[in-house]
Amino acid sequence: MAVDGDEGNKVEDQPGFLAQLQAILNVLPAYTWYAAPSGALIFVNRRTADYLGLPEDHPLRFGIDIGAQWDDWVPLLHPDDQEEARQYWSSRLRTGEAGEHSYRVRNAQGDYRWFLTRFEPLRASDGTLLLRIGATLDIDELTRAQGVLRVSEQSLRLAIDGIAGLVAVLTPNGELEAANRQLFEYFGRSLEELKNWGTEG
């Protein structure tokens, strides 16, 4: 993403640009933010600030650069996600690339929810990096549902493998979807090989 700049390559030199950007980010139905070229978080929209429990006069609500470090936001993440997030963001800062990463973020009550954040570099027409702009989506319910599904699939796999016989699970159109360990051992073929067995010449 690039913007034309009449008065220089610093975003603060663009009259009204930051005010317009903040107004747009505040009305989007997502948790949005922007960071300095260094990666330091400068602005979060109202939705994000409220989720984090930031005071009404907090500099991040107004896009005031207080000289933060690029990783000052990392302690907001779940302790198990912090090192991976730090490494991921560090690599994106080095390359200047866009990115996408998921992690758990602590809310004002101290609870954690899963989020997926996507961000793009905003560059001047000459390629100079002005900002990194991001949108973060709450994927907590989806992530939890996927976890439950994985557990269910594992339980089903154990149950099917525990049956003393050959078991195959077919789709409604009769294609092989799954089979138990005994069936694989009996035929000496993988699931993919069994799926293609009938089509082989």
C-alpha atoms as a PDB file:
ATOM      1  CA  MET A   1       0.000   0.000   0.000  1.00  0.00           C
ATOM      2  CA  ALA A   2       1.434   3.412  -0.924  1.00  0.00           C
ATOM      3  CA  VAL A   3       0.393   7.019  -0.481  1.00  0.00           C
ATOM      4  CA  ASP A   4       1.544  10.171  -2.244  1.00  0.00           C
ATOM      5  CA  GLY A   5       3.267  12.688  -0.048  1.00  0.00           C
ATOM      6  CA  ASP A   6       3.569  16.351  -0.942  1.00  0.00           C
ATOM      7  CA  GLU A   7       5.621  17.549   2.008  1.00  0.00           C
ATOM      8  CA  GLY A   8       8.070  14.762   2.715  1.00  0.00           C
ATOM      9  CA  ASN A   9       8.325  11.140   3.606  1.00  0.00           C
ATOM     10  CA  LYS A  10       7.341  11.390   7.246  1.00  0.00           C
ATOM     11  CA  VAL A  11       3.733  10.611   7.930  1.00  0.00           C
ATOM     12  CA  GLU A  12       3.564  13.408  10.486  1.00  0.00           C
ATOM     13  CA  ASP A  13       4.321  15.822   7.615  1.00  0.00           C
ATOM     14  CA  GLN A  14       1.056  14.854   5.893  1.00  0.00           C
ATOM     15  CA  PRO A  15      -1.560  17.421   6.997  1.00  0.00           C
ATOM     16  CA  GLY A  16      -4.673  15.744   8.313  1.00  0.00           C
ATOM     17  CA  PHE A  17      -3.590  12.297   7.162  1.00  0.00           C
ATOM     18  CA  LEU A  18      -3.253  10.794  10.647  1.00  0.00           C
ATOM     19  CA  ALA A  19      -6.539  12.303  11.808  1.00  0.00           C
ATOM     20  CA  GLN A  20      -8.306  10.780   8.789  1.00  0.00           C
ATOM     21  CA  LEU A  21      -6.599   7.441   9.297  1.00  0.00           C
ATOM     22  CA  GLN A  22      -7.587   7.338  12.980  1.00  0.00           C
ATOM     23  CA  ALA A  23     -11.181   8.249  12.138  1.00  0.00           C
ATOM     24  CA  ILE A  24     -11.349   5.392   9.620  1.00  0.00           C
ATOM     25  CA  LEU A  25      -9.731   2.853  11.962  1.00  0.00           C
ATOM     26  CA  ASN A  26     -12.104   3.844  14.769  1.00  0.00           C
ATOM     27  CA  VAL A  27     -15.215   2.937  12.752  1.00  0.00           C
ATOM     28  CA  LEU A  28     -13.995  -0.361  11.301  1.00  0.00           C
ATOM     29  CA  PRO A  29     -15.627  -3.435  12.883  1.00  0.00           C
ATOM     30  CA  ALA A  30     -12.251  -4.863  13.966  1.00  0.00           C
ATOM     31  CA  TYR A  31      -9.454  -4.206  16.404  1.00  0.00           C
ATOM     32  CA  THR A  32      -7.228  -1.876  14.366  1.00  0.00           C
ATOM     33  CA  TRP A  33      -3.922  -0.142  14.990  1.00  0.00           C
ATOM     34  CA  TYR A  34      -0.846   1.351  13.431  1.00  0.00           C
ATOM     35  CA  ALA A  35       2.822   1.321  14.319  1.00  0.00           C
ATOM     36  CA  ALA A  36       5.834   3.455  13.458  1.00  0.00           C
ATOM     37  CA  PRO A  37       8.367   2.208  10.907  1.00  0.00           C
ATOM     38  CA  SER A  38      10.391   0.969  13.909  1.00  0.00           C
ATOM     39  CA  GLY A  39       7.458  -1.296  14.825  1.00  0.00           C
ATOM     40  CA  ALA A  40       6.574   0.694  17.951  1.00  0.00           C
ATOM     41  CA  LEU A  41       2.813   0.751  18.501  1.00  0.00           C
ATOM     42  CA  ILE A  42       1.516   4.337  18.212  1.00  0.00           C
ATOM     43  CA  PHE A  43      -2.270   4.066  17.816  1.00  0.00           C
ATOM     44  CA  VAL A  44      -5.058   1.622  18.666  1.00  0.00           C
ATOM     45  CA  ASN A  45      -8.707   2.214  17.801  1.00  0.00           C
ATOM     46  CA  ARG A  46     -11.422   2.572  20.448  1.00  0.00           C
ATOM     47  CA  ARG A  47     -12.423  -1.092  20.234  1.00  0.00           C
ATOM     48  CA  THR A  48      -8.833  -2.177  20.935  1.00  0.00           C
ATOM     49  CA  ALA A  49      -8.271   0.394  23.679  1.00  0.00           C
ATOM     50  CA  ASP A  50     -11.495  -0.659  25.427  1.00  0.00           C
ATOM     51  CA  TYR A  51     -10.590  -4.348  25.166  1.00  0.00           C
ATOM     52  CA  LEU A  52      -7.186  -3.658  26.721  1.00  0.00           C
ATOM     53  CA  GLY A  53      -8.705  -1.386  29.372  1.00  0.00           C
ATOM     54  CA  LEU A  54      -6.613   1.644  28.429  1.00  0.00           C
ATOM     55  CA  PRO A  55      -7.565   4.872  30.243  1.00  0.00           C
ATOM     56  CA  GLU A  56      -9.489   7.464  28.222  1.00  0.00           C
ATOM     57  CA  ASP A  57      -6.441   9.747  28.150  1.00  0.00           C
ATOM     58  CA  HIS A  58      -3.917   7.059  27.126  1.00  0.00           C
ATOM     59  CA  PRO A  59      -1.545   8.208  24.313  1.00  0.00           C
ATOM     60  CA  LEU A  60      -2.346   5.122  22.205  1.00  0.00           C
ATOM     61  CA  ARG A  61      -5.951   6.321  21.858  1.00  0.00           C
ATOM     62  CA  PHE A  62      -4.708   9.508  20.166  1.00  0.00           C
ATOM     63  CA  GLY A  63      -1.735   8.306  18.129  1.00  0.00           C
ATOM     64  CA  ILE A  64       0.796  10.089  20.294  1.00  0.00           C
ATOM     65  CA  ASP A  65       4.292   8.680  19.798  1.00  0.00           C
ATOM     66  CA  ILE A  66       5.814   8.352  23.271  1.00  0.00           C
ATOM     67  CA  GLY A  67       8.998   6.687  22.065  1.00  0.00           C
ATOM     68  CA  ALA A  68       7.900   3.144  22.854  1.00  0.00           C
ATOM     69  CA  GLN A  69      10.034   0.173  21.871  1.00  0.00           C
ATOM     70  CA  TRP A  70       8.823  -2.143  19.098  1.00  0.00           C
ATOM     71  CA  ASP A  71       8.087  -4.975  21.535  1.00  0.00           C
ATOM     72  CA  ASP A  72       6.532  -3.030  24.427  1.00  0.00           C
ATOM     73  CA  TRP A  73       3.162  -4.634  23.596  1.00  0.00           C
ATOM     74  CA  VAL A  74       4.438  -8.223  23.949  1.00  0.00           C
ATOM     75  CA  PRO A  75       3.625  -8.464  27.716  1.00  0.00           C
ATOM     76  CA  LEU A  76      -0.070  -8.093  26.756  1.00  0.00           C
ATOM     77  CA  LEU A  77       0.131 -11.588  25.230  1.00  0.00           C
ATOM     78  CA  HIS A  78      -0.254 -14.915  26.965  1.00  0.00           C
ATOM     79  CA  PRO A  79       3.140 -15.938  28.414  1.00  0.00           C
ATOM     80  CA  ASP A  80       3.184 -19.041  26.186  1.00  0.00           C
ATOM     81  CA  ASP A  81       2.792 -16.891  23.038  1.00  0.00           C
ATOM     82  CA  GLN A  82       5.255 -14.099  23.806  1.00  0.00           C
ATOM     83  CA  GLU A  83       8.536 -15.524  22.511  1.00  0.00           C
ATOM     84  CA  GLU A  84       7.056 -16.780  19.230  1.00  0.00           C
ATOM     85  CA  ALA A  85       5.347 -13.412  18.667  1.00  0.00           C
ATOM     86  CA  ARG A  86       8.561 -11.536  19.435  1.00  0.00           C
ATOM     87  CA  GLN A  87      10.512 -13.647  16.923  1.00  0.00           C
ATOM     88  CA  TYR A  88       7.813 -13.326  14.261  1.00  0.00           C
ATOM     89  CA  TRP A  89       7.553  -9.542  14.551  1.00  0.00           C
ATOM     90  CA  SER A  90      11.323  -9.166  14.685  1.00  0.00           C
ATOM     91  CA  SER A  91      11.608 -11.017  11.372  1.00  0.00           C
ATOM     92  CA  ARG A  92       8.939  -8.793   9.779  1.00  0.00           C
ATOM     93  CA  LEU A  93      10.696  -5.658  11.004  1.00  0.00           C
ATOM     94  CA  ARG A  94      13.908  -6.843   9.347  1.00  0.00           C
ATOM     95  CA  THR A  95      12.248  -7.668   6.034  1.00  0.00           C
ATOM     96  CA  GLY A  96       9.614  -4.895   5.949  1.00  0.00           C
ATOM     97  CA  GLU A  97       7.047  -7.452   4.773  1.00  0.00           C
ATOM     98  CA  ALA A  98       3.360  -7.717   5.548  1.00  0.00           C
ATOM     99  CA  GLY A  99       2.377 -10.431   7.990  1.00  0.00           C
ATOM    100  CA  GLU A 100      -0.234 -12.483   9.750  1.00  0.00           C
ATOM    101  CA  HIS A 101       0.057 -14.029  13.196  1.00  0.00           C
ATOM    102  CA  SER A 102      -2.243 -15.418  15.880  1.00  0.00           C
ATOM    103  CA  TYR A 103      -1.850 -15.285  19.641  1.00  0.00           C
ATOM    104  CA  ARG A 104      -3.792 -14.791  22.865  1.00  0.00           C
ATOM    105  CA  VAL A 105      -4.214 -11.244  24.178  1.00  0.00           C
ATOM    106  CA  ARG A 106      -5.136 -10.291  27.748  1.00  0.00           C
ATOM    107  CA  ASN A 107      -8.235  -8.122  28.191  1.00  0.00           C
ATOM    108  CA  ALA A 108      -8.996  -5.541  30.885  1.00  0.00           C
ATOM    109  CA  GLN A 109     -10.328  -8.282  33.193  1.00  0.00           C
ATOM    110  CA  GLY A 110      -7.156 -10.362  32.856  1.00  0.00           C
ATOM    111  CA  ASP A 111      -8.682 -13.039  30.612  1.00  0.00           C
ATOM    112  CA  TYR A 112      -7.096 -14.148  27.335  1.00  0.00           C
ATOM    113  CA  ARG A 113      -8.731 -14.528  23.933  1.00  0.00           C
ATOM    114  CA  TRP A 114      -7.282 -15.744  20.638  1.00  0.00           C
ATOM    115  CA  PHE A 115      -6.756 -13.126  17.920  1.00  0.00           C
ATOM    116  CA  LEU A 116      -5.492 -13.181  14.352  1.00  0.00           C
ATOM    117  CA  THR A 117      -3.678 -10.015  13.349  1.00  0.00           C
ATOM    118  CA  ARG A 118      -2.844  -9.013   9.798  1.00  0.00           C
ATOM    119  CA  PHE A 119      -0.737  -6.017   8.921  1.00  0.00           C
ATOM    120  CA  GLU A 120       0.600  -4.218   5.868  1.00  0.00           C
ATOM    121  CA  PRO A 121       3.351  -1.669   5.436  1.00  0.00           C
ATOM    122  CA  LEU A 122       2.111   1.758   4.308  1.00  0.00           C
ATOM    123  CA  ARG A 123       4.729   3.337   2.064  1.00  0.00           C
ATOM    124  CA  ALA A 124       5.218   6.702   0.430  1.00  0.00           C
ATOM    125  CA  SER A 125       5.164   6.743  -3.373  1.00  0.00           C
ATOM    126  CA  ASP A 126       8.975   6.543  -3.338  1.00  0.00           C
ATOM    127  CA  GLY A 127       8.882   3.345  -1.241  1.00  0.00           C
ATOM    128  CA  THR A 128       9.753   4.890   2.127  1.00  0.00           C
ATOM    129  CA  LEU A 129       8.023   3.049   4.976  1.00  0.00           C
ATOM    130  CA  LEU A 130       5.592   5.402   6.738  1.00  0.00           C
ATOM    131  CA  LEU A 131       3.562   3.125   9.014  1.00  0.00           C
ATOM    132  CA  ARG A 132       2.552  -0.458   9.590  1.00  0.00           C
ATOM    133  CA  ILE A 133      -1.250  -0.719   9.645  1.00  0.00           C
ATOM    134  CA  GLY A 134      -3.012  -3.706  11.133  1.00  0.00           C
ATOM    135  CA  ALA A 135      -6.421  -5.262  11.694  1.00  0.00           C
ATOM    136  CA  THR A 136      -6.907  -7.862  14.384  1.00  0.00           C
ATOM    137  CA  LEU A 137      -9.840 -10.268  14.460  1.00  0.00           C
ATOM    138  CA  ASP A 138     -11.193 -12.141  17.471  1.00  0.00           C
ATOM    139  CA  ILE A 139     -10.908 -15.839  16.571  1.00  0.00           C
ATOM    140  CA  ASP A 140     -11.355 -17.197  20.089  1.00  0.00           C
ATOM    141  CA  GLU A 141     -14.589 -19.115  19.451  1.00  0.00           C
ATOM    142  CA  LEU A 142     -13.264 -20.540  16.187  1.00  0.00           C
ATOM    143  CA  THR A 143      -9.985 -21.608  17.814  1.00  0.00           C
ATOM    144  CA  ARG A 144     -11.800 -23.260  20.722  1.00  0.00           C
ATOM    145  CA  ALA A 145     -14.183 -25.047  18.338  1.00  0.00           C
ATOM    146  CA  GLN A 146     -11.234 -26.330  16.311  1.00  0.00           C
ATOM    147  CA  GLY A 147      -9.660 -27.624  19.524  1.00  0.00           C
ATOM    148  CA  VAL A 148     -12.860 -29.457  20.452  1.00  0.00           C
ATOM    149  CA  LEU A 149     -13.053 -30.902  16.940  1.00  0.00           C
ATOM    150  CA  ARG A 150      -9.453 -32.148  17.161  1.00  0.00           C
ATOM    151  CA  VAL A 151     -10.193 -33.844  20.483  1.00  0.00           C
ATOM    152  CA  SER A 152     -13.345 -35.408  19.002  1.00  0.00           C
ATOM    153  CA  GLU A 153     -11.420 -36.654  15.978  1.00  0.00           C
ATOM    154  CA  GLN A 154      -8.750 -38.154  18.226  1.00  0.00           C
ATOM    155  CA  SER A 155     -11.407 -39.849  20.353  1.00  0.00           C
ATOM    156  CA  LEU A 156     -13.114 -41.215  17.240  1.00  0.00           C
ATOM    157  CA  ARG A 157      -9.761 -42.469  15.907  1.00  0.00           C
ATOM    158  CA  LEU A 158      -9.064 -44.287  19.199  1.00  0.00           C
ATOM    159  CA  ALA A 159     -12.561 -45.775  19.213  1.00  0.00           C
ATOM    160  CA  ILE A 160     -12.306 -46.995  15.603  1.00  0.00           C
ATOM    161  CA  ASP A 161      -8.813 -48.397  16.156  1.00  0.00           C
ATOM    162  CA  GLY A 162     -10.108 -50.229  19.223  1.00  0.00           C
ATOM    163  CA  ILE A 163     -12.620 -52.251  17.191  1.00  0.00           C
ATOM    164  CA  ALA A 164     -11.412 -55.812  16.566  1.00  0.00           C
ATOM    165  CA  GLY A 165     -12.169 -55.889  12.862  1.00  0.00           C
ATOM    166  CA  LEU A 166     -11.768 -53.972   9.650  1.00  0.00           C
ATOM    167  CA  VAL A 167     -13.573 -50.615   9.776  1.00  0.00           C
ATOM    168  CA  ALA A 168     -13.962 -48.119   6.944  1.00  0.00           C
ATOM    169  CA  VAL A 169     -15.795 -44.781   7.089  1.00  0.00           C
ATOM    170  CA  LEU A 170     -17.321 -43.701   3.779  1.00  0.00           C
ATOM    171  CA  THR A 171     -18.595 -40.314   2.606  1.00  0.00           C
ATOM    172  CA  PRO A 172     -22.258 -40.039   1.485  1.00  0.00           C
ATOM    173  CA  ASN A 173     -21.159 -40.638  -2.121  1.00  0.00           C
ATOM    174  CA  GLY A 174     -19.315 -43.827  -1.145  1.00  0.00           C
ATOM    175  CA  GLU A 175     -15.716 -42.574  -1.130  1.00  0.00           C
ATOM    176  CA  LEU A 176     -13.360 -43.769   1.589  1.00  0.00           C
ATOM    177  CA  GLU A 177     -12.877 -41.063   4.225  1.00  0.00           C
ATOM    178  CA  ALA A 178     -11.193 -42.938   7.090  1.00  0.00           C
ATOM    179  CA  ALA A 179     -10.290 -46.426   8.209  1.00  0.00           C
ATOM    180  CA  ASN A 180      -8.981 -48.106  11.309  1.00  0.00           C
ATOM    181  CA  ARG A 181      -5.423 -49.273  11.878  1.00  0.00           C
ATOM    182  CA  GLN A 182      -6.362 -52.926  11.349  1.00  0.00           C
ATOM    183  CA  LEU A 183      -7.662 -52.202   7.842  1.00  0.00           C
ATOM    184  CA  PHE A 184      -4.441 -50.396   6.882  1.00  0.00           C
ATOM    185  CA  GLU A 185      -2.379 -53.287   8.255  1.00  0.00           C
ATOM    186  CA  TYR A 186      -4.528 -55.904   6.497  1.00  0.00           C
ATOM    187  CA  PHE A 187      -4.219 -54.283   3.062  1.00  0.00           C
ATOM    188  CA  GLY A 188      -0.730 -52.841   3.644  1.00  0.00           C
ATOM    189  CA  ARG A 189      -1.755 -49.524   2.115  1.00  0.00           C
ATOM    190  CA  SER A 190      -2.127 -45.922   3.286  1.00  0.00           C
ATOM    191  CA  LEU A 191      -5.416 -44.027   3.286  1.00  0.00           C
ATOM    192  CA  GLU A 192      -4.496 -42.260   0.023  1.00  0.00           C
ATOM    193  CA  GLU A 193      -3.507 -45.543  -1.609  1.00  0.00           C
ATOM    194  CA  LEU A 194      -6.820 -47.110  -0.541  1.00  0.00           C
ATOM    195  CA  LYS A 195      -8.763 -44.113  -1.851  1.00  0.00           C
ATOM    196  CA  ASN A 196      -7.105 -44.486  -5.265  1.00  0.00           C
ATOM    197  CA  TRP A 197      -7.160 -48.297  -5.293  1.00  0.00           C
ATOM    198  CA  GLY A 198     -10.335 -48.594  -7.327  1.00  0.00           C
ATOM    199  CA  THR A 199      -9.183 -46.039  -9.881  1.00  0.00           C
ATOM    200  CA  GLU A 200      -5.814 -47.674 -10.555  1.00  0.00           C
ATOM    201  CA  GLY A 201      -5.527 -49.505 -13.885  1.00  0.00           C
END
